[in-house]
C-alpha cells in the first residue's frame, strides 16, 4: 500500500527528483489526452463533429508532449504514477478540464476557451513549481515546460481570433434529446 499523496502548501519548497517531476508532467499530459478524447467521444455521440475534431486535435498535441517527455527521459514504459504535487485551490490537475464544462451544442469557440483555461493553469503550475523547487534540474525543466505552455496559450489565443464567438442563443436546441424510461 502506497503512502497518501503529499499536499504541498503554497509557498513551501518542493523537493522532487527530475524523474519524479517528469513522471508528474507525463501523468498530466496523459490525463489531458484522455480527457480531450473523452470530450471528443461525447461530442461525436451528439453529432457535433466539428468540436469533436477540435478536441481530437488538442489530444494529439498533448500526446506529442507525452511522447517527447518519454523520449527525453529515455523511458520505454511510463513510470508508476507519481505522488501528486498540488499547490492549493485551483491547482489540482492543471491540464484536466471538468466534464461538466462540455455541452453537446458547444461550438469551437467554447472548446478553445476550455483549452485556453487548461493551458494557462498548466503554465501557472510549472511557474510555481519552478519557483518552489529545491532542485536546479527540476527548476530548469519546470521553466522549460512553463515556456512551452506559454507558447500553447499564445497558439490558442491566435486560434480564438479566427473563430467567431457563439451567438447568445447557441444552447437553444429546437429538437432537444428525449429520454424515455
Foldseek 3Di string as FASTA:
>chain_A
DDDAFDEDEAPAADEDDPLLLLLQLLVLLVLLLVQLQVLLVVLVVLVVNQQSVVSNVVSVVSVVVNVVSCVVVVHPDRDPRHRDYAYDPPQGSLQHDDPVQHDNLDDNLSSLVNRLSSLVSLLVNLVSNLVRYPDPVSVVVSVVVSVVSVVVNVVSVVVNVVDDDDDPPSRDDPDDDDDDD
